[in-house]
N, C-alpha and C. Protein backbone atom coordinates (compact mmCIF):
# COMPACT_ATOMS: atom_id res chain seq x y z
N MET A 1 7.62 7.34 -19.96
CA MET A 1 7.42 6.35 -18.91
C MET A 1 6.05 6.51 -18.26
N ASN A 2 5.60 7.75 -18.10
CA ASN A 2 4.30 7.99 -17.48
C ASN A 2 3.18 7.37 -18.31
N ILE A 3 3.29 7.49 -19.63
CA ILE A 3 2.27 6.93 -20.51
C ILE A 3 2.26 5.41 -20.41
N LEU A 4 3.44 4.80 -20.35
CA LEU A 4 3.52 3.35 -20.22
C LEU A 4 2.90 2.87 -18.92
N ARG A 5 3.09 3.62 -17.86
CA ARG A 5 2.50 3.25 -16.58
C ARG A 5 0.98 3.30 -16.66
N LEU A 6 0.45 4.32 -17.27
CA LEU A 6 -1.01 4.43 -17.41
C LEU A 6 -1.56 3.29 -18.25
N ILE A 7 -0.87 2.95 -19.33
CA ILE A 7 -1.31 1.84 -20.17
C ILE A 7 -1.30 0.54 -19.38
N PHE A 8 -0.25 0.33 -18.59
CA PHE A 8 -0.12 -0.89 -17.80
C PHE A 8 -1.30 -1.05 -16.84
N TYR A 9 -1.61 0.01 -16.11
CA TYR A 9 -2.69 -0.09 -15.12
C TYR A 9 -4.07 -0.06 -15.77
N ALA A 10 -4.23 0.73 -16.83
CA ALA A 10 -5.55 0.87 -17.45
C ALA A 10 -5.93 -0.34 -18.29
N LEU A 11 -4.96 -0.91 -19.01
CA LEU A 11 -5.27 -1.97 -19.96
C LEU A 11 -4.92 -3.37 -19.47
N LEU A 12 -4.11 -3.47 -18.43
CA LEU A 12 -3.74 -4.79 -17.92
C LEU A 12 -4.23 -5.04 -16.50
N VAL A 13 -3.84 -4.18 -15.58
CA VAL A 13 -4.16 -4.42 -14.18
C VAL A 13 -5.66 -4.31 -13.91
N ARG A 14 -6.26 -3.20 -14.32
CA ARG A 14 -7.70 -3.01 -14.04
C ARG A 14 -8.57 -4.08 -14.68
N PRO A 15 -8.37 -4.42 -15.96
CA PRO A 15 -9.19 -5.50 -16.53
C PRO A 15 -9.00 -6.83 -15.81
N PHE A 16 -7.76 -7.13 -15.38
CA PHE A 16 -7.51 -8.37 -14.63
C PHE A 16 -8.32 -8.38 -13.34
N ILE A 17 -8.32 -7.26 -12.63
CA ILE A 17 -9.05 -7.18 -11.36
C ILE A 17 -10.55 -7.31 -11.60
N ILE A 18 -11.04 -6.66 -12.62
CA ILE A 18 -12.48 -6.70 -12.92
C ILE A 18 -12.93 -8.12 -13.29
N VAL A 19 -12.12 -8.81 -14.09
CA VAL A 19 -12.50 -10.13 -14.60
C VAL A 19 -12.32 -11.22 -13.55
N PHE A 20 -11.19 -11.17 -12.79
CA PHE A 20 -10.83 -12.29 -11.93
C PHE A 20 -11.07 -12.06 -10.44
N LEU A 21 -11.27 -10.82 -10.03
CA LEU A 21 -11.50 -10.57 -8.61
C LEU A 21 -12.89 -9.97 -8.40
N GLY A 22 -13.58 -10.45 -7.38
CA GLY A 22 -14.79 -9.78 -6.96
C GLY A 22 -14.39 -8.73 -5.93
N LEU A 23 -14.21 -7.50 -6.36
CA LEU A 23 -13.63 -6.47 -5.49
C LEU A 23 -14.71 -5.52 -4.99
N ASN A 24 -14.90 -5.48 -3.67
CA ASN A 24 -15.82 -4.55 -3.05
C ASN A 24 -15.02 -3.48 -2.31
N THR A 25 -15.41 -2.24 -2.47
CA THR A 25 -14.70 -1.15 -1.79
C THR A 25 -15.66 -0.34 -0.92
N ARG A 26 -15.14 0.17 0.18
CA ARG A 26 -15.91 1.02 1.08
C ARG A 26 -15.13 2.32 1.31
N ASN A 27 -15.86 3.42 1.33
CA ASN A 27 -15.27 4.74 1.60
C ASN A 27 -14.13 5.07 0.64
N LEU A 28 -14.31 4.69 -0.62
CA LEU A 28 -13.26 4.90 -1.60
C LEU A 28 -12.96 6.38 -1.83
N ASP A 29 -13.92 7.24 -1.52
CA ASP A 29 -13.72 8.68 -1.69
C ASP A 29 -12.60 9.20 -0.79
N ARG A 30 -12.25 8.46 0.25
CA ARG A 30 -11.17 8.88 1.15
C ARG A 30 -9.79 8.59 0.56
N LEU A 31 -9.74 7.72 -0.45
CA LEU A 31 -8.46 7.36 -1.06
C LEU A 31 -8.26 8.26 -2.28
N LYS A 32 -7.50 9.30 -2.10
CA LYS A 32 -7.32 10.28 -3.17
C LYS A 32 -5.96 10.93 -3.06
N VAL A 33 -5.53 11.48 -4.18
CA VAL A 33 -4.28 12.24 -4.22
C VAL A 33 -4.55 13.63 -3.69
N HIS A 34 -3.74 14.06 -2.72
CA HIS A 34 -3.94 15.35 -2.08
C HIS A 34 -3.06 16.42 -2.72
N ASP A 35 -3.30 17.64 -2.35
CA ASP A 35 -2.43 18.72 -2.76
C ASP A 35 -1.20 18.70 -1.85
N GLY A 36 -0.17 18.04 -2.30
CA GLY A 36 1.02 17.89 -1.47
C GLY A 36 1.19 16.45 -1.02
N ALA A 37 2.23 16.24 -0.23
CA ALA A 37 2.61 14.89 0.18
C ALA A 37 1.57 14.25 1.09
N HIS A 38 1.52 12.92 1.04
CA HIS A 38 0.55 12.18 1.85
C HIS A 38 1.03 10.73 1.95
N LEU A 39 0.63 10.04 3.01
CA LEU A 39 0.93 8.62 3.20
C LEU A 39 -0.36 7.80 3.18
N VAL A 40 -0.31 6.66 2.55
CA VAL A 40 -1.37 5.66 2.64
C VAL A 40 -0.74 4.43 3.28
N ALA A 41 -1.29 3.98 4.41
CA ALA A 41 -0.75 2.84 5.14
C ALA A 41 -1.75 1.68 5.05
N ALA A 42 -1.30 0.55 4.51
CA ALA A 42 -2.19 -0.59 4.30
C ALA A 42 -1.59 -1.87 4.87
N ASN A 43 -2.46 -2.82 5.22
CA ASN A 43 -1.99 -4.14 5.62
C ASN A 43 -1.49 -4.89 4.39
N HIS A 44 -0.72 -5.96 4.61
CA HIS A 44 0.02 -6.58 3.50
C HIS A 44 -0.05 -8.10 3.59
N ASN A 45 -0.75 -8.72 2.61
CA ASN A 45 -0.90 -10.17 2.59
C ASN A 45 -0.50 -10.83 1.28
N SER A 46 -0.34 -10.03 0.22
CA SER A 46 -0.20 -10.62 -1.10
C SER A 46 0.55 -9.68 -2.05
N HIS A 47 1.15 -10.26 -3.10
CA HIS A 47 1.74 -9.44 -4.15
C HIS A 47 0.69 -8.62 -4.88
N LEU A 48 -0.57 -9.04 -4.75
CA LEU A 48 -1.64 -8.30 -5.41
C LEU A 48 -1.94 -6.97 -4.72
N ASP A 49 -1.53 -6.82 -3.47
CA ASP A 49 -1.89 -5.64 -2.69
C ASP A 49 -1.53 -4.34 -3.41
N ALA A 50 -0.28 -4.24 -3.84
CA ALA A 50 0.18 -3.00 -4.47
C ALA A 50 -0.57 -2.72 -5.77
N MET A 51 -0.76 -3.76 -6.59
CA MET A 51 -1.43 -3.57 -7.87
C MET A 51 -2.88 -3.13 -7.69
N VAL A 52 -3.55 -3.78 -6.74
CA VAL A 52 -4.95 -3.45 -6.50
C VAL A 52 -5.08 -2.02 -5.96
N LEU A 53 -4.23 -1.66 -5.01
CA LEU A 53 -4.28 -0.30 -4.47
C LEU A 53 -4.04 0.75 -5.55
N MET A 54 -3.05 0.53 -6.39
CA MET A 54 -2.77 1.49 -7.46
C MET A 54 -3.95 1.63 -8.41
N SER A 55 -4.64 0.51 -8.67
CA SER A 55 -5.75 0.54 -9.62
C SER A 55 -6.93 1.35 -9.12
N LEU A 56 -6.98 1.64 -7.81
CA LEU A 56 -8.10 2.37 -7.24
C LEU A 56 -7.97 3.89 -7.42
N PHE A 57 -6.78 4.35 -7.75
CA PHE A 57 -6.59 5.78 -7.99
C PHE A 57 -7.04 6.15 -9.41
N LYS A 58 -7.44 7.39 -9.57
CA LYS A 58 -7.80 7.86 -10.90
C LYS A 58 -6.58 7.80 -11.80
N LEU A 59 -6.80 7.49 -13.07
CA LEU A 59 -5.68 7.35 -14.00
C LEU A 59 -4.85 8.62 -14.07
N GLU A 60 -5.50 9.77 -14.02
CA GLU A 60 -4.74 11.02 -14.13
C GLU A 60 -3.90 11.30 -12.89
N ASP A 61 -4.14 10.54 -11.80
CA ASP A 61 -3.39 10.76 -10.56
C ASP A 61 -2.29 9.73 -10.33
N MET A 62 -2.26 8.67 -11.12
CA MET A 62 -1.34 7.57 -10.84
C MET A 62 0.13 7.98 -10.84
N ASN A 63 0.48 8.94 -11.69
CA ASN A 63 1.87 9.36 -11.75
C ASN A 63 2.29 10.19 -10.54
N LYS A 64 1.33 10.47 -9.66
CA LYS A 64 1.64 11.19 -8.42
C LYS A 64 1.75 10.24 -7.23
N VAL A 65 1.65 8.93 -7.51
CA VAL A 65 1.64 7.92 -6.46
C VAL A 65 2.86 7.01 -6.59
N LYS A 66 3.50 6.71 -5.47
CA LYS A 66 4.61 5.76 -5.44
C LYS A 66 4.38 4.72 -4.35
N LEU A 67 4.94 3.54 -4.57
CA LEU A 67 4.77 2.41 -3.65
C LEU A 67 6.10 2.05 -3.00
N VAL A 68 6.12 1.93 -1.70
CA VAL A 68 7.32 1.47 -1.01
C VAL A 68 7.42 -0.04 -1.19
N ALA A 69 8.58 -0.51 -1.66
CA ALA A 69 8.75 -1.94 -1.94
C ALA A 69 10.19 -2.36 -1.69
N ALA A 70 10.37 -3.66 -1.45
CA ALA A 70 11.69 -4.19 -1.14
C ALA A 70 12.58 -4.22 -2.38
N LYS A 71 13.72 -3.59 -2.27
CA LYS A 71 14.65 -3.54 -3.39
C LYS A 71 15.17 -4.92 -3.77
N ASP A 72 15.43 -5.77 -2.78
CA ASP A 72 15.99 -7.09 -3.07
C ASP A 72 15.01 -7.98 -3.83
N TYR A 73 13.72 -7.68 -3.74
CA TYR A 73 12.73 -8.49 -4.47
C TYR A 73 12.39 -7.89 -5.83
N PHE A 74 12.14 -6.59 -5.87
CA PHE A 74 11.68 -5.96 -7.10
C PHE A 74 12.80 -5.52 -8.03
N CYS A 75 14.02 -5.49 -7.53
CA CYS A 75 15.14 -5.02 -8.36
C CYS A 75 16.23 -6.10 -8.44
N ARG A 76 15.82 -7.30 -8.81
CA ARG A 76 16.75 -8.42 -8.83
C ARG A 76 17.66 -8.43 -10.06
N ASN A 77 17.24 -7.77 -11.13
CA ASN A 77 18.07 -7.66 -12.33
C ASN A 77 17.70 -6.36 -13.05
N ALA A 78 18.38 -6.09 -14.15
CA ALA A 78 18.18 -4.81 -14.85
C ALA A 78 16.75 -4.65 -15.36
N LEU A 79 16.17 -5.73 -15.89
CA LEU A 79 14.82 -5.64 -16.44
C LEU A 79 13.78 -5.41 -15.35
N SER A 80 13.86 -6.20 -14.27
CA SER A 80 12.89 -6.03 -13.18
C SER A 80 13.04 -4.67 -12.51
N THR A 81 14.28 -4.17 -12.45
CA THR A 81 14.50 -2.84 -11.87
C THR A 81 13.84 -1.78 -12.72
N TRP A 82 14.05 -1.84 -14.03
CA TRP A 82 13.44 -0.86 -14.93
C TRP A 82 11.92 -0.90 -14.84
N PHE A 83 11.36 -2.11 -14.87
CA PHE A 83 9.91 -2.26 -14.84
C PHE A 83 9.34 -1.77 -13.52
N SER A 84 9.97 -2.13 -12.41
CA SER A 84 9.47 -1.76 -11.08
C SER A 84 9.51 -0.25 -10.86
N LEU A 85 10.60 0.37 -11.31
CA LEU A 85 10.74 1.81 -11.10
C LEU A 85 9.85 2.61 -12.02
N ASN A 86 9.80 2.24 -13.27
CA ASN A 86 9.14 3.08 -14.28
C ASN A 86 7.70 2.72 -14.59
N ILE A 87 7.33 1.48 -14.40
CA ILE A 87 5.97 1.05 -14.72
C ILE A 87 5.14 0.86 -13.46
N ILE A 88 5.60 0.04 -12.53
CA ILE A 88 4.85 -0.13 -11.28
C ILE A 88 4.89 1.15 -10.46
N GLY A 89 6.06 1.78 -10.41
CA GLY A 89 6.19 3.05 -9.68
C GLY A 89 6.61 2.87 -8.23
N ILE A 90 7.61 2.01 -8.00
CA ILE A 90 8.02 1.74 -6.63
C ILE A 90 9.11 2.70 -6.15
N ILE A 91 9.23 2.79 -4.82
CA ILE A 91 10.39 3.37 -4.16
C ILE A 91 11.15 2.18 -3.59
N PRO A 92 12.29 1.80 -4.16
CA PRO A 92 13.01 0.62 -3.68
C PRO A 92 13.69 0.87 -2.34
N ILE A 93 13.43 0.00 -1.39
CA ILE A 93 13.97 0.13 -0.05
C ILE A 93 14.99 -0.97 0.22
N ASP A 94 16.16 -0.59 0.67
CA ASP A 94 17.18 -1.55 1.06
C ASP A 94 16.91 -1.98 2.49
N ARG A 95 16.28 -3.15 2.65
CA ARG A 95 15.85 -3.59 3.97
C ARG A 95 17.02 -3.88 4.91
N LYS A 96 18.20 -4.13 4.36
CA LYS A 96 19.37 -4.40 5.19
C LYS A 96 20.05 -3.11 5.64
N GLY A 97 19.69 -2.00 5.01
CA GLY A 97 20.27 -0.73 5.41
C GLY A 97 21.76 -0.62 5.16
N GLU A 98 22.24 -1.29 4.11
CA GLU A 98 23.67 -1.29 3.84
C GLU A 98 24.15 0.01 3.19
N ASN A 99 23.23 0.79 2.66
CA ASN A 99 23.61 2.02 1.97
C ASN A 99 23.00 3.24 2.66
N GLY A 100 23.12 3.30 3.97
CA GLY A 100 22.60 4.43 4.71
C GLY A 100 21.17 4.20 5.17
N ASP A 101 20.46 5.29 5.44
CA ASP A 101 19.09 5.22 5.94
C ASP A 101 18.17 4.63 4.88
N PRO A 102 17.57 3.46 5.11
CA PRO A 102 16.70 2.85 4.09
C PRO A 102 15.45 3.66 3.79
N LEU A 103 15.05 4.53 4.73
CA LEU A 103 13.83 5.31 4.54
C LEU A 103 14.07 6.67 3.88
N ALA A 104 15.32 6.98 3.61
CA ALA A 104 15.64 8.27 2.98
C ALA A 104 14.93 8.47 1.64
N PRO A 105 14.82 7.44 0.77
CA PRO A 105 14.09 7.64 -0.49
C PRO A 105 12.61 7.93 -0.30
N VAL A 106 12.02 7.40 0.77
CA VAL A 106 10.61 7.67 1.06
C VAL A 106 10.43 9.12 1.46
N ILE A 107 11.30 9.60 2.33
CA ILE A 107 11.24 10.99 2.77
C ILE A 107 11.46 11.93 1.59
N GLN A 108 12.37 11.57 0.70
CA GLN A 108 12.62 12.39 -0.48
C GLN A 108 11.38 12.46 -1.37
N ALA A 109 10.71 11.31 -1.55
CA ALA A 109 9.49 11.30 -2.38
C ALA A 109 8.41 12.19 -1.77
N LEU A 110 8.28 12.17 -0.46
CA LEU A 110 7.31 13.03 0.22
C LEU A 110 7.68 14.49 0.04
N GLU A 111 8.96 14.79 0.12
CA GLU A 111 9.40 16.17 -0.08
C GLU A 111 9.12 16.65 -1.50
N GLU A 112 9.05 15.70 -2.43
CA GLU A 112 8.74 16.04 -3.82
C GLU A 112 7.23 16.08 -4.07
N GLY A 113 6.44 15.83 -3.02
CA GLY A 113 4.99 15.99 -3.12
C GLY A 113 4.22 14.76 -3.54
N TYR A 114 4.83 13.58 -3.49
CA TYR A 114 4.14 12.36 -3.89
C TYR A 114 3.22 11.84 -2.79
N LEU A 115 2.19 11.11 -3.19
CA LEU A 115 1.45 10.27 -2.28
C LEU A 115 2.21 8.95 -2.24
N VAL A 116 2.57 8.49 -1.05
CA VAL A 116 3.38 7.28 -0.90
C VAL A 116 2.57 6.20 -0.19
N VAL A 117 2.49 5.04 -0.81
CA VAL A 117 1.81 3.88 -0.22
C VAL A 117 2.85 3.05 0.51
N ILE A 118 2.60 2.77 1.78
CA ILE A 118 3.53 2.00 2.59
C ILE A 118 2.80 0.88 3.31
N PHE A 119 3.48 -0.24 3.52
CA PHE A 119 2.93 -1.38 4.24
C PHE A 119 3.67 -1.48 5.57
N PRO A 120 3.11 -0.96 6.65
CA PRO A 120 3.82 -0.89 7.94
C PRO A 120 4.20 -2.23 8.54
N GLU A 121 3.59 -3.32 8.08
CA GLU A 121 3.98 -4.63 8.58
C GLU A 121 5.36 -5.04 8.06
N GLY A 122 5.79 -4.38 6.98
CA GLY A 122 7.06 -4.73 6.37
C GLY A 122 6.85 -5.76 5.29
N SER A 123 7.06 -7.02 5.58
CA SER A 123 6.87 -8.09 4.61
C SER A 123 5.46 -8.66 4.72
N ARG A 124 5.10 -9.46 3.72
CA ARG A 124 3.78 -10.08 3.71
C ARG A 124 3.65 -11.12 4.80
N GLY A 125 2.46 -11.19 5.40
CA GLY A 125 2.21 -12.18 6.44
C GLY A 125 1.50 -13.40 5.88
N GLU A 126 1.06 -14.26 6.78
CA GLU A 126 0.27 -15.42 6.38
C GLU A 126 -1.10 -14.94 5.88
N PRO A 127 -1.74 -15.74 5.01
CA PRO A 127 -3.02 -15.31 4.43
C PRO A 127 -4.03 -14.83 5.48
N GLU A 128 -4.42 -13.57 5.34
CA GLU A 128 -5.44 -12.94 6.17
C GLU A 128 -5.08 -12.88 7.65
N LYS A 129 -3.79 -12.91 7.97
CA LYS A 129 -3.33 -12.74 9.35
C LYS A 129 -2.38 -11.56 9.40
N ARG A 130 -2.71 -10.56 10.20
CA ARG A 130 -1.86 -9.38 10.32
C ARG A 130 -0.63 -9.66 11.16
N LYS A 131 0.47 -9.04 10.79
CA LYS A 131 1.68 -9.08 11.60
C LYS A 131 1.75 -7.79 12.41
N PRO A 132 2.47 -7.78 13.51
CA PRO A 132 2.63 -6.52 14.27
C PRO A 132 3.25 -5.44 13.40
N LEU A 133 2.75 -4.23 13.55
CA LEU A 133 3.28 -3.12 12.76
C LEU A 133 4.68 -2.75 13.23
N LYS A 134 5.54 -2.42 12.28
CA LYS A 134 6.88 -1.98 12.60
C LYS A 134 6.89 -0.45 12.75
N TYR A 135 7.98 0.04 13.29
CA TYR A 135 8.06 1.46 13.63
C TYR A 135 8.67 2.32 12.52
N GLY A 136 8.90 1.72 11.34
CA GLY A 136 9.46 2.50 10.24
C GLY A 136 8.61 3.69 9.87
N ILE A 137 7.28 3.51 9.88
CA ILE A 137 6.40 4.61 9.51
C ILE A 137 6.53 5.78 10.48
N THR A 138 6.82 5.49 11.74
CA THR A 138 6.97 6.57 12.72
C THR A 138 8.25 7.36 12.47
N LYS A 139 9.28 6.69 11.97
CA LYS A 139 10.52 7.39 11.64
C LYS A 139 10.31 8.36 10.48
N ILE A 140 9.47 7.96 9.54
CA ILE A 140 9.13 8.86 8.43
C ILE A 140 8.41 10.10 8.95
N LEU A 141 7.48 9.88 9.87
CA LEU A 141 6.68 10.99 10.39
C LEU A 141 7.48 11.88 11.34
N GLU A 142 8.48 11.34 11.96
CA GLU A 142 9.37 12.19 12.76
C GLU A 142 10.10 13.17 11.86
N ALA A 143 10.43 12.73 10.66
CA ALA A 143 11.12 13.61 9.71
C ALA A 143 10.14 14.55 9.00
N LYS A 144 8.90 14.10 8.81
CA LYS A 144 7.87 14.89 8.12
C LYS A 144 6.59 14.90 8.97
N PRO A 145 6.61 15.60 10.10
CA PRO A 145 5.48 15.52 11.05
C PRO A 145 4.17 16.09 10.52
N GLU A 146 4.23 16.87 9.47
CA GLU A 146 3.00 17.47 8.94
C GLU A 146 2.21 16.51 8.05
N ILE A 147 2.80 15.38 7.71
CA ILE A 147 2.16 14.43 6.80
C ILE A 147 0.98 13.73 7.46
N LYS A 148 -0.13 13.63 6.72
CA LYS A 148 -1.30 12.88 7.17
C LYS A 148 -1.23 11.46 6.62
N ILE A 149 -1.92 10.53 7.30
CA ILE A 149 -1.92 9.13 6.91
C ILE A 149 -3.35 8.66 6.67
N THR A 150 -3.59 8.04 5.52
CA THR A 150 -4.87 7.41 5.26
C THR A 150 -4.71 5.90 5.40
N PRO A 151 -5.37 5.27 6.38
CA PRO A 151 -5.27 3.82 6.57
C PRO A 151 -6.19 3.06 5.62
N VAL A 152 -5.71 1.94 5.12
CA VAL A 152 -6.50 1.10 4.22
C VAL A 152 -6.39 -0.35 4.69
N PHE A 153 -7.54 -1.00 4.85
CA PHE A 153 -7.52 -2.41 5.23
C PHE A 153 -8.05 -3.24 4.07
N MET A 154 -7.30 -4.30 3.72
CA MET A 154 -7.66 -5.17 2.61
C MET A 154 -7.89 -6.59 3.11
N HIS A 155 -8.93 -7.22 2.62
CA HIS A 155 -9.26 -8.59 3.01
C HIS A 155 -9.51 -9.44 1.77
N GLY A 156 -8.92 -10.63 1.75
CA GLY A 156 -9.18 -11.57 0.66
C GLY A 156 -8.04 -11.73 -0.32
N LEU A 157 -7.19 -10.71 -0.46
CA LEU A 157 -6.10 -10.80 -1.43
C LEU A 157 -5.08 -11.86 -1.02
N GLY A 158 -4.93 -12.06 0.28
CA GLY A 158 -4.03 -13.10 0.76
C GLY A 158 -4.48 -14.49 0.37
N LYS A 159 -5.79 -14.66 0.15
CA LYS A 159 -6.31 -15.95 -0.29
C LYS A 159 -6.24 -16.10 -1.80
N SER A 160 -6.30 -14.97 -2.51
CA SER A 160 -6.22 -15.01 -3.97
C SER A 160 -4.81 -15.35 -4.45
N LEU A 161 -3.81 -14.78 -3.77
CA LEU A 161 -2.43 -15.08 -4.12
C LEU A 161 -1.59 -15.03 -2.84
N PRO A 162 -1.60 -16.12 -2.07
CA PRO A 162 -0.89 -16.15 -0.79
C PRO A 162 0.63 -16.09 -0.98
N ARG A 163 1.31 -15.74 0.08
CA ARG A 163 2.76 -15.72 0.08
C ARG A 163 3.32 -17.10 -0.25
N GLY A 164 4.28 -17.12 -1.18
CA GLY A 164 4.93 -18.37 -1.55
C GLY A 164 4.18 -19.19 -2.58
N GLU A 165 3.01 -18.72 -3.02
CA GLU A 165 2.22 -19.45 -4.01
C GLU A 165 2.30 -18.74 -5.36
N GLY A 166 2.33 -19.51 -6.43
CA GLY A 166 2.36 -18.93 -7.77
C GLY A 166 1.06 -19.08 -8.52
N LEU A 167 0.09 -19.75 -7.89
CA LEU A 167 -1.19 -20.00 -8.54
C LEU A 167 -2.24 -19.04 -8.03
N PHE A 168 -2.83 -18.27 -8.94
CA PHE A 168 -3.87 -17.31 -8.57
C PHE A 168 -5.19 -18.02 -8.36
N VAL A 169 -5.90 -17.66 -7.28
CA VAL A 169 -7.21 -18.25 -6.97
C VAL A 169 -8.23 -17.11 -6.89
N PRO A 170 -9.22 -17.11 -7.77
CA PRO A 170 -10.26 -16.05 -7.70
C PRO A 170 -10.95 -16.07 -6.35
N PHE A 171 -11.07 -14.90 -5.74
CA PHE A 171 -11.67 -14.81 -4.42
C PHE A 171 -12.25 -13.41 -4.25
N ILE A 172 -13.40 -13.32 -3.59
CA ILE A 172 -14.01 -12.01 -3.35
C ILE A 172 -13.16 -11.24 -2.35
N CYS A 173 -12.72 -10.06 -2.74
CA CYS A 173 -11.84 -9.25 -1.91
C CYS A 173 -12.52 -7.93 -1.54
N GLU A 174 -12.19 -7.44 -0.37
CA GLU A 174 -12.79 -6.21 0.12
C GLU A 174 -11.72 -5.23 0.57
N ILE A 175 -12.01 -3.96 0.34
CA ILE A 175 -11.10 -2.88 0.75
C ILE A 175 -11.92 -1.83 1.49
N ASN A 176 -11.43 -1.43 2.65
CA ASN A 176 -12.10 -0.40 3.44
C ASN A 176 -11.09 0.70 3.76
N VAL A 177 -11.45 1.93 3.42
CA VAL A 177 -10.55 3.07 3.59
C VAL A 177 -10.98 3.87 4.82
N GLY A 178 -10.03 4.12 5.71
CA GLY A 178 -10.34 4.83 6.93
C GLY A 178 -10.13 6.34 6.84
N GLU A 179 -10.45 7.02 7.91
CA GLU A 179 -10.25 8.46 7.97
C GLU A 179 -8.79 8.78 8.29
N GLU A 180 -8.38 9.97 7.95
CA GLU A 180 -6.99 10.37 8.12
C GLU A 180 -6.54 10.33 9.58
N LEU A 181 -5.29 9.96 9.77
CA LEU A 181 -4.64 10.01 11.07
C LEU A 181 -3.52 11.05 11.01
N SER A 182 -3.19 11.61 12.16
CA SER A 182 -2.14 12.62 12.24
C SER A 182 -1.06 12.18 13.22
N TRP A 183 0.13 12.66 13.01
CA TRP A 183 1.26 12.39 13.88
C TRP A 183 1.17 13.31 15.09
N ALA A 184 1.22 12.73 16.29
CA ALA A 184 1.13 13.51 17.51
C ALA A 184 2.44 13.52 18.29
N GLY A 185 3.50 13.01 17.66
CA GLY A 185 4.81 13.06 18.29
C GLY A 185 5.17 11.86 19.14
N ASP A 186 4.32 10.82 19.13
CA ASP A 186 4.56 9.65 19.97
C ASP A 186 4.51 8.39 19.10
N ARG A 187 5.62 7.66 19.05
CA ARG A 187 5.70 6.48 18.20
C ARG A 187 4.67 5.41 18.59
N SER A 188 4.64 5.08 19.87
CA SER A 188 3.74 4.02 20.33
C SER A 188 2.28 4.40 20.09
N GLN A 189 1.95 5.65 20.30
CA GLN A 189 0.58 6.11 20.10
C GLN A 189 0.16 5.96 18.65
N LEU A 190 1.04 6.31 17.72
CA LEU A 190 0.69 6.20 16.31
C LEU A 190 0.48 4.75 15.91
N VAL A 191 1.40 3.87 16.32
CA VAL A 191 1.27 2.45 15.98
C VAL A 191 -0.01 1.87 16.58
N SER A 192 -0.32 2.24 17.82
CA SER A 192 -1.54 1.75 18.46
C SER A 192 -2.78 2.26 17.74
N SER A 193 -2.76 3.53 17.34
CA SER A 193 -3.90 4.11 16.62
C SER A 193 -4.11 3.43 15.28
N LEU A 194 -3.00 3.14 14.59
CA LEU A 194 -3.11 2.48 13.30
C LEU A 194 -3.60 1.04 13.44
N GLU A 195 -3.11 0.35 14.46
CA GLU A 195 -3.60 -1.01 14.74
C GLU A 195 -5.09 -1.00 15.04
N ALA A 196 -5.53 -0.06 15.88
CA ALA A 196 -6.94 0.03 16.25
C ALA A 196 -7.80 0.37 15.03
N THR A 197 -7.28 1.22 14.17
CA THR A 197 -8.02 1.59 12.96
C THR A 197 -8.18 0.38 12.03
N PHE A 198 -7.11 -0.38 11.86
CA PHE A 198 -7.21 -1.60 11.05
C PHE A 198 -8.25 -2.56 11.63
N ASP A 199 -8.25 -2.71 12.95
CA ASP A 199 -9.24 -3.57 13.61
C ASP A 199 -10.66 -3.10 13.31
N SER A 200 -10.85 -1.79 13.41
CA SER A 200 -12.18 -1.21 13.18
C SER A 200 -12.61 -1.38 11.73
N LEU A 201 -11.70 -1.13 10.79
CA LEU A 201 -12.03 -1.27 9.37
C LEU A 201 -12.35 -2.72 9.03
N LYS A 202 -11.63 -3.65 9.64
CA LYS A 202 -11.90 -5.06 9.41
C LYS A 202 -13.28 -5.43 9.96
N GLN A 203 -13.58 -4.93 11.14
CA GLN A 203 -14.87 -5.26 11.77
C GLN A 203 -16.03 -4.73 10.93
N GLU A 204 -15.87 -3.58 10.32
CA GLU A 204 -16.92 -3.00 9.48
C GLU A 204 -17.24 -3.91 8.29
N MET A 205 -16.25 -4.67 7.83
CA MET A 205 -16.45 -5.50 6.64
C MET A 205 -17.03 -6.85 6.98
N GLU A 206 -16.99 -7.25 8.24
CA GLU A 206 -17.50 -8.57 8.60
C GLU A 206 -19.03 -8.57 8.54
N PRO A 207 -19.63 -9.63 8.00
CA PRO A 207 -21.08 -9.70 7.92
C PRO A 207 -21.73 -9.69 9.31
N LYS A 208 -22.76 -8.92 9.45
CA LYS A 208 -23.47 -8.83 10.73
C LYS A 208 -24.60 -9.85 10.80
N GLU A 209 -24.80 -10.41 11.97
CA GLU A 209 -25.90 -11.37 12.14
C GLU A 209 -27.25 -10.65 12.07
N TRP A 210 -28.24 -11.35 11.52
CA TRP A 210 -29.58 -10.79 11.47
C TRP A 210 -30.16 -10.73 12.88
N LEU A 211 -30.89 -9.67 13.13
CA LEU A 211 -31.53 -9.53 14.44
C LEU A 211 -32.83 -10.33 14.49
């Protein structure tokens, strides 16, 4: 399964991004697999978000990365479940919480030493409009307070493949990776810090007027 995942990202996803997306990245050296568990928190506008983020990791590190994703969307039948789990590399989350704590699989993945990509907004928002961050990420950090978080802000993917649209539109997209954040024991403080970091990363990508 690991080999199939590498083939999928190396021969399908990356060439698609190179050919059809104008992708600019900033501070990409901050996006890396660490020795031990780690969280990457990114804004969420498009189905492309997860694929693009995964493609930014080194091929030899991809099998150490998992993506938090909605079980009801990615595991709708046996084939999509197999593909999502084994090829994309998702952690399926039961958003209704009908089978206990929906975040338990995320905590388990962290305990196993994975880098976990999470979208704190929950579901995708309107193109290039952020939704308020939910507190699920703080519940993870309450259980694993030693975990560091790398924030990632993405712009343009919501226009390339907006929510509810099936037609891909080539668009120049940008990704800016922030510095690590730490859990200080306060839910509101973490959410505010992450919101402020996203604002700052977005501002860095906006074109500056000539003096």
